[in-house]
């Protein structure tokens, strides 16, 4: 079987989803496309997203990620490219060199929904969002 066949891709995707435990199996809002991710339970630890390969992991727009106000939010650059975290709603734009991180624990985000963009790779889809809950 060729590794590029649709069946092979479906098997590999299913295996990755089972191993990662990252899907609730519910369709997106339109009832189409990929299942939405299960929202992580509230925690006192900061929510961490990894920037790598011109992609933000764990803050995709379709994932509907929600964190508690007290959690804080960190973006780590674990790739080899220079990345950026831009949050237009709070006029934040910080570059993240490989091995560095942007830590928003001290600058807590107020409750609301925020766009997360890498200004260098937005055209390649390096965008996401996160909602901060007041509870």
N, C-alpha and C. Protein backbone atom coordinates (compact mmCIF):
# COMPACT_ATOMS: atom_id res chain seq x y z
N UNK A 1 0.85 -1.17 0.00
CA UNK A 1 0.00 0.00 0.00
C UNK A 1 0.89 1.23 0.00
N UNK A 2 0.59 2.17 -0.86
CA UNK A 2 1.38 3.39 -0.93
C UNK A 2 1.08 4.27 0.27
N UNK A 3 2.11 4.94 0.82
CA UNK A 3 1.93 5.76 2.02
C UNK A 3 1.11 7.02 1.74
N UNK A 4 0.89 7.36 0.46
CA UNK A 4 0.13 8.56 0.16
C UNK A 4 -1.34 8.26 -0.13
N UNK A 5 -1.76 7.00 0.00
CA UNK A 5 -3.15 6.67 -0.28
C UNK A 5 -4.06 7.23 0.79
N UNK A 6 -5.32 7.59 0.44
CA UNK A 6 -6.26 8.14 1.42
C UNK A 6 -6.52 7.19 2.58
N UNK A 7 -6.59 5.88 2.31
CA UNK A 7 -6.83 4.91 3.38
C UNK A 7 -5.68 4.92 4.37
N UNK A 8 -4.45 4.91 3.86
CA UNK A 8 -3.27 4.93 4.72
C UNK A 8 -3.26 6.20 5.57
N UNK A 9 -3.57 7.35 4.96
CA UNK A 9 -3.60 8.61 5.71
C UNK A 9 -4.67 8.57 6.80
N UNK A 10 -5.83 7.99 6.50
CA UNK A 10 -6.91 7.90 7.48
C UNK A 10 -6.49 7.02 8.65
N UNK A 11 -5.84 5.90 8.34
CA UNK A 11 -5.38 4.99 9.39
C UNK A 11 -4.36 5.70 10.28
N UNK A 12 -3.40 6.38 9.68
CA UNK A 12 -2.36 7.06 10.45
C UNK A 12 -2.96 8.19 11.29
N UNK A 13 -3.87 8.95 10.72
CA UNK A 13 -4.52 10.04 11.45
C UNK A 13 -5.30 9.49 12.63
N UNK A 14 -6.06 8.42 12.41
CA UNK A 14 -6.83 7.80 13.49
C UNK A 14 -5.93 7.31 14.59
N UNK A 15 -4.83 6.69 14.21
CA UNK A 15 -3.88 6.19 15.20
C UNK A 15 -3.30 7.33 16.02
N UNK A 16 -2.92 8.42 15.36
CA UNK A 16 -2.37 9.57 16.07
C UNK A 16 -3.40 10.17 17.01
N UNK A 17 -4.65 10.26 16.57
CA UNK A 17 -5.70 10.81 17.43
C UNK A 17 -5.94 9.94 18.65
N UNK A 18 -5.92 8.62 18.46
CA UNK A 18 -6.12 7.71 19.58
C UNK A 18 -4.96 7.83 20.56
N UNK A 19 -3.73 7.86 20.04
CA UNK A 19 -2.56 7.96 20.90
C UNK A 19 -2.52 9.29 21.64
N UNK A 20 -2.90 10.37 20.96
CA UNK A 20 -2.87 11.70 21.58
C UNK A 20 -4.08 11.95 22.46
N UNK A 21 -5.16 11.21 22.24
CA UNK A 21 -6.37 11.43 23.03
C UNK A 21 -6.92 12.82 22.84
N UNK A 22 -6.74 13.40 21.64
CA UNK A 22 -7.06 14.80 21.44
C UNK A 22 -8.37 15.11 20.78
N UNK A 23 -9.28 14.16 20.60
CA UNK A 23 -10.52 14.50 19.92
C UNK A 23 -11.72 14.02 20.71
N UNK A 24 -12.75 14.82 20.66
CA UNK A 24 -13.99 14.43 21.31
C UNK A 24 -14.88 13.65 20.38
N UNK A 25 -14.58 13.67 19.07
CA UNK A 25 -15.38 12.98 18.09
C UNK A 25 -16.57 13.78 17.63
N UNK A 26 -16.72 15.01 18.13
CA UNK A 26 -17.82 15.85 17.71
C UNK A 26 -17.41 16.65 16.49
N UNK A 27 -18.32 16.84 15.51
CA UNK A 27 -17.97 17.64 14.35
C UNK A 27 -17.86 19.11 14.73
N UNK A 28 -17.25 19.89 13.84
CA UNK A 28 -17.15 21.32 14.08
C UNK A 28 -18.53 21.96 14.03
N UNK A 29 -18.62 23.29 14.26
CA UNK A 29 -19.89 23.98 14.35
C UNK A 29 -20.77 23.78 13.13
N UNK A 30 -20.18 23.68 11.97
CA UNK A 30 -20.95 23.50 10.74
C UNK A 30 -21.35 22.04 10.54
N UNK A 31 -20.87 21.16 11.41
CA UNK A 31 -21.18 19.74 11.29
C UNK A 31 -20.34 19.05 10.25
N UNK A 32 -19.30 19.72 9.77
CA UNK A 32 -18.45 19.17 8.73
C UNK A 32 -17.00 19.19 9.19
N UNK A 33 -16.16 18.54 8.44
CA UNK A 33 -14.73 18.66 8.67
C UNK A 33 -14.24 17.81 9.82
N UNK A 34 -13.09 18.22 10.35
CA UNK A 34 -12.44 17.48 11.42
C UNK A 34 -13.18 17.64 12.73
N UNK A 35 -13.09 16.64 13.60
CA UNK A 35 -13.71 16.77 14.92
C UNK A 35 -13.03 17.87 15.72
N UNK A 36 -13.77 18.50 16.62
CA UNK A 36 -13.20 19.52 17.49
C UNK A 36 -12.45 18.83 18.61
N UNK A 37 -11.44 19.48 19.12
CA UNK A 37 -10.64 18.91 20.20
C UNK A 37 -11.38 19.04 21.52
N UNK A 38 -11.10 18.14 22.41
CA UNK A 38 -11.64 18.22 23.76
C UNK A 38 -10.92 19.35 24.48
N UNK A 39 -11.69 20.18 25.16
CA UNK A 39 -11.12 21.31 25.88
C UNK A 39 -10.48 20.80 27.17
N UNK A 40 -9.24 21.23 27.43
CA UNK A 40 -8.58 20.76 28.64
C UNK A 40 -9.30 21.27 29.88
N UNK A 41 -9.32 20.48 30.96
CA UNK A 41 -9.97 20.93 32.18
C UNK A 41 -9.20 22.10 32.80
N UNK A 42 -9.88 22.92 33.61
CA UNK A 42 -9.20 24.03 34.27
C UNK A 42 -8.03 23.53 35.11
N UNK A 43 -7.00 24.33 35.22
CA UNK A 43 -5.82 23.97 35.98
C UNK A 43 -5.15 25.24 36.48
N UNK A 44 -4.28 25.10 37.45
CA UNK A 44 -3.52 26.24 37.94
C UNK A 44 -2.26 26.47 37.12
N UNK A 45 -1.88 25.48 36.32
CA UNK A 45 -0.69 25.58 35.49
C UNK A 45 -0.98 26.43 34.25
N UNK A 46 0.00 27.16 33.73
CA UNK A 46 -0.21 27.93 32.50
C UNK A 46 -0.53 27.01 31.32
N UNK A 47 -1.31 27.52 30.39
CA UNK A 47 -1.59 26.80 29.15
C UNK A 47 -0.42 27.08 28.21
N UNK A 48 0.17 26.03 27.64
CA UNK A 48 1.37 26.17 26.80
C UNK A 48 1.06 25.76 25.37
N UNK A 49 1.43 26.63 24.44
CA UNK A 49 1.37 26.30 23.02
C UNK A 49 2.80 26.32 22.49
N UNK A 50 3.10 25.42 21.58
CA UNK A 50 4.43 25.31 21.00
C UNK A 50 4.42 25.85 19.57
N UNK A 51 5.37 26.72 19.28
CA UNK A 51 5.56 27.22 17.92
C UNK A 51 6.69 26.41 17.28
N UNK A 52 6.35 25.73 16.19
CA UNK A 52 7.35 24.91 15.49
C UNK A 52 6.86 24.68 14.06
N UNK A 53 7.77 24.61 13.14
CA UNK A 53 7.44 24.34 11.74
C UNK A 53 6.36 25.29 11.20
N UNK A 54 6.47 26.57 11.54
CA UNK A 54 5.53 27.59 11.08
C UNK A 54 4.09 27.24 11.43
N UNK A 55 3.92 26.79 12.68
CA UNK A 55 2.62 26.32 13.15
C UNK A 55 2.55 26.50 14.66
N UNK A 56 1.41 26.98 15.17
CA UNK A 56 1.16 27.00 16.61
C UNK A 56 0.42 25.72 16.96
N UNK A 57 0.99 24.89 17.81
CA UNK A 57 0.29 23.70 18.28
C UNK A 57 -0.66 24.10 19.40
N UNK A 58 -1.82 23.50 19.41
CA UNK A 58 -2.78 23.60 20.50
C UNK A 58 -3.51 24.93 20.64
N UNK A 59 -3.51 25.76 19.62
CA UNK A 59 -4.34 26.97 19.66
C UNK A 59 -4.99 27.22 18.30
N UNK A 60 -5.35 26.16 17.60
CA UNK A 60 -6.01 26.32 16.31
C UNK A 60 -7.37 26.99 16.49
N UNK A 61 -7.77 27.80 15.54
CA UNK A 61 -9.05 28.50 15.62
C UNK A 61 -10.19 27.51 15.79
N UNK A 62 -10.15 26.39 15.08
CA UNK A 62 -11.25 25.42 15.12
C UNK A 62 -11.28 24.61 16.42
N UNK A 63 -10.25 24.70 17.26
CA UNK A 63 -10.20 23.91 18.48
C UNK A 63 -10.99 24.50 19.64
N UNK A 64 -11.35 25.77 19.58
CA UNK A 64 -12.15 26.40 20.63
C UNK A 64 -11.49 26.21 22.00
N UNK A 65 -10.22 26.60 22.11
CA UNK A 65 -9.46 26.44 23.35
C UNK A 65 -9.89 27.51 24.35
N UNK A 66 -10.14 27.07 25.56
CA UNK A 66 -10.59 27.96 26.62
C UNK A 66 -9.77 27.70 27.87
N UNK A 67 -9.22 28.78 28.46
CA UNK A 67 -8.44 28.64 29.69
C UNK A 67 -9.03 29.55 30.75
N UNK A 68 -8.72 29.24 32.00
CA UNK A 68 -9.14 30.08 33.12
C UNK A 68 -8.24 31.31 33.21
N UNK A 69 -8.79 32.40 33.69
CA UNK A 69 -8.05 33.66 33.83
C UNK A 69 -6.76 33.47 34.62
N UNK A 70 -6.82 32.67 35.66
CA UNK A 70 -5.67 32.49 36.54
C UNK A 70 -4.57 31.62 35.94
N UNK A 71 -4.87 30.91 34.85
CA UNK A 71 -3.91 29.98 34.27
C UNK A 71 -2.69 30.63 33.69
N UNK A 72 -2.84 31.70 32.99
CA UNK A 72 -1.74 32.25 32.23
C UNK A 72 -1.59 31.53 30.90
N UNK A 73 -0.75 32.05 30.04
CA UNK A 73 -0.61 31.53 28.69
C UNK A 73 0.84 31.70 28.25
N UNK A 74 1.44 30.63 27.75
CA UNK A 74 2.83 30.65 27.32
C UNK A 74 2.92 30.11 25.89
N UNK A 75 3.74 30.76 25.07
CA UNK A 75 4.06 30.23 23.74
C UNK A 75 5.57 29.99 23.71
N UNK A 76 5.96 28.73 23.45
CA UNK A 76 7.37 28.34 23.39
C UNK A 76 7.77 28.10 21.94
N UNK A 77 8.93 28.60 21.56
CA UNK A 77 9.46 28.32 20.23
C UNK A 77 10.40 27.12 20.34
N UNK A 78 9.92 25.97 19.90
CA UNK A 78 10.75 24.76 19.93
C UNK A 78 11.24 24.38 18.54
N UNK A 79 11.13 25.31 17.60
CA UNK A 79 11.60 25.06 16.24
C UNK A 79 12.93 25.74 16.00
N UNK A 80 13.31 25.83 14.73
CA UNK A 80 14.57 26.47 14.38
C UNK A 80 14.36 27.83 13.72
N UNK A 81 13.11 28.21 13.46
CA UNK A 81 12.80 29.50 12.84
C UNK A 81 12.48 30.56 13.89
N UNK A 82 12.74 31.81 13.56
CA UNK A 82 12.27 32.93 14.37
C UNK A 82 10.76 33.00 14.21
N UNK A 83 10.03 33.10 15.31
CA UNK A 83 8.58 33.24 15.28
C UNK A 83 8.20 34.51 16.02
N UNK A 84 6.91 34.80 16.02
CA UNK A 84 6.38 36.00 16.63
C UNK A 84 5.03 35.67 17.24
N UNK A 85 4.72 36.30 18.34
CA UNK A 85 3.38 36.21 18.92
C UNK A 85 2.79 37.60 18.86
N UNK A 86 1.78 37.75 18.04
CA UNK A 86 1.04 39.00 17.95
C UNK A 86 -0.37 38.72 18.43
N UNK A 87 -0.82 39.53 19.39
CA UNK A 87 -2.20 39.47 19.88
C UNK A 87 -2.77 40.86 19.66
N UNK A 88 -3.47 41.06 18.53
CA UNK A 88 -3.93 42.40 18.16
C UNK A 88 -4.83 43.05 19.21
N UNK A 89 -5.62 42.25 19.91
CA UNK A 89 -6.58 42.79 20.87
C UNK A 89 -5.91 43.51 22.05
N UNK A 90 -4.64 43.22 22.32
CA UNK A 90 -3.93 43.89 23.41
C UNK A 90 -2.66 44.58 22.91
N UNK A 91 -2.56 44.78 21.61
CA UNK A 91 -1.40 45.45 21.01
C UNK A 91 -0.07 44.83 21.44
N UNK A 92 -0.03 43.49 21.47
CA UNK A 92 1.19 42.78 21.82
C UNK A 92 1.81 42.21 20.56
N UNK A 93 3.11 42.39 20.41
CA UNK A 93 3.85 41.76 19.32
C UNK A 93 5.27 41.50 19.83
N UNK A 94 5.58 40.22 20.05
CA UNK A 94 6.90 39.84 20.56
C UNK A 94 7.49 38.75 19.70
N UNK A 95 8.75 38.93 19.33
CA UNK A 95 9.46 37.88 18.62
C UNK A 95 9.90 36.81 19.61
N UNK A 96 9.95 35.57 19.11
CA UNK A 96 10.40 34.45 19.93
C UNK A 96 11.50 33.73 19.16
N UNK A 97 12.71 33.85 19.63
CA UNK A 97 13.82 33.14 19.01
C UNK A 97 13.74 31.66 19.39
N UNK A 98 14.37 30.79 18.60
CA UNK A 98 14.39 29.37 18.95
C UNK A 98 14.87 29.16 20.39
N UNK A 99 14.12 28.35 21.12
CA UNK A 99 14.45 28.07 22.52
C UNK A 99 13.88 29.05 23.52
N UNK A 100 13.28 30.16 23.04
CA UNK A 100 12.71 31.15 23.95
C UNK A 100 11.19 30.97 24.05
N UNK A 101 10.58 31.76 24.94
CA UNK A 101 9.13 31.71 25.09
C UNK A 101 8.58 33.09 25.44
N UNK A 102 7.30 33.28 25.16
CA UNK A 102 6.55 34.46 25.59
C UNK A 102 5.64 33.99 26.71
N UNK A 103 5.78 34.62 27.86
CA UNK A 103 5.06 34.22 29.07
C UNK A 103 4.09 35.33 29.44
N UNK A 104 2.80 35.04 29.37
CA UNK A 104 1.79 36.04 29.70
C UNK A 104 1.23 35.86 31.10
N UNK A 105 1.97 35.20 31.97
CA UNK A 105 1.52 35.05 33.36
C UNK A 105 1.49 36.40 34.06
N UNK A 106 2.53 37.21 33.90
CA UNK A 106 2.58 38.51 34.55
C UNK A 106 1.66 39.52 33.90
N UNK A 107 1.37 39.36 32.64
CA UNK A 107 0.48 40.26 31.90
C UNK A 107 -0.83 39.54 31.65
N UNK A 108 -1.47 39.05 32.68
CA UNK A 108 -2.66 38.23 32.52
C UNK A 108 -3.62 38.81 31.49
N UNK A 109 -4.13 37.91 30.66
CA UNK A 109 -5.13 38.31 29.68
C UNK A 109 -6.48 38.43 30.37
N UNK A 110 -7.17 39.50 30.11
CA UNK A 110 -8.52 39.68 30.65
C UNK A 110 -9.45 38.68 29.98
N UNK A 111 -10.58 38.35 30.60
CA UNK A 111 -11.53 37.44 29.95
C UNK A 111 -11.93 37.95 28.56
N UNK A 112 -11.98 37.04 27.61
CA UNK A 112 -12.33 37.38 26.23
C UNK A 112 -11.65 36.42 25.28
N UNK A 113 -11.86 36.64 23.99
CA UNK A 113 -11.25 35.79 22.96
C UNK A 113 -10.17 36.59 22.25
N UNK A 114 -9.03 35.95 22.04
CA UNK A 114 -7.86 36.61 21.47
C UNK A 114 -7.36 35.87 20.24
N UNK A 115 -6.99 36.63 19.23
CA UNK A 115 -6.34 36.09 18.04
C UNK A 115 -4.85 35.98 18.33
N UNK A 116 -4.25 34.88 17.92
CA UNK A 116 -2.81 34.67 18.09
C UNK A 116 -2.22 34.51 16.69
N UNK A 117 -1.25 35.35 16.34
CA UNK A 117 -0.71 35.37 14.98
C UNK A 117 0.81 35.45 15.03
N UNK A 118 1.47 34.70 14.15
CA UNK A 118 2.89 34.90 13.93
C UNK A 118 3.00 35.81 12.71
N UNK A 119 3.49 37.02 12.89
CA UNK A 119 3.52 37.98 11.79
C UNK A 119 4.43 37.52 10.66
N UNK A 120 5.36 36.62 10.94
CA UNK A 120 6.26 36.13 9.90
C UNK A 120 5.65 34.98 9.09
N UNK A 121 4.73 34.25 9.66
CA UNK A 121 4.22 33.04 9.00
C UNK A 121 2.69 32.98 8.95
N UNK A 122 2.02 34.10 9.12
CA UNK A 122 0.55 34.12 9.08
C UNK A 122 0.04 33.64 7.72
N UNK A 123 0.74 34.00 6.65
CA UNK A 123 0.30 33.59 5.31
C UNK A 123 0.42 32.08 5.12
N UNK A 124 1.18 31.41 5.99
CA UNK A 124 1.32 29.96 5.94
C UNK A 124 0.37 29.27 6.92
N UNK A 125 -0.54 30.06 7.52
CA UNK A 125 -1.53 29.49 8.42
C UNK A 125 -1.14 29.49 9.88
N UNK A 126 -0.09 30.23 10.25
CA UNK A 126 0.33 30.25 11.66
C UNK A 126 -0.50 31.27 12.42
N UNK A 127 -1.74 30.87 12.64
CA UNK A 127 -2.71 31.70 13.36
C UNK A 127 -3.51 30.80 14.29
N UNK A 128 -4.08 31.37 15.28
CA UNK A 128 -4.91 30.61 16.21
C UNK A 128 -5.73 31.54 17.07
N UNK A 129 -6.38 30.99 18.06
CA UNK A 129 -7.13 31.81 19.00
C UNK A 129 -7.24 31.08 20.33
N UNK A 130 -7.53 31.87 21.34
CA UNK A 130 -7.70 31.32 22.68
C UNK A 130 -8.73 32.18 23.40
N UNK A 131 -9.57 31.55 24.19
CA UNK A 131 -10.57 32.27 24.98
C UNK A 131 -10.19 32.16 26.44
N UNK A 132 -10.18 33.30 27.13
CA UNK A 132 -9.88 33.34 28.55
C UNK A 132 -11.21 33.51 29.29
N UNK A 133 -11.50 32.57 30.20
CA UNK A 133 -12.73 32.61 30.98
C UNK A 133 -12.50 33.37 32.28
N UNK A 134 -13.54 34.00 32.79
CA UNK A 134 -13.44 34.74 34.03
C UNK A 134 -13.55 33.86 35.27
N UNK A 135 -14.02 32.65 35.12
CA UNK A 135 -14.22 31.74 36.26
C UNK A 135 -12.98 31.07 36.72
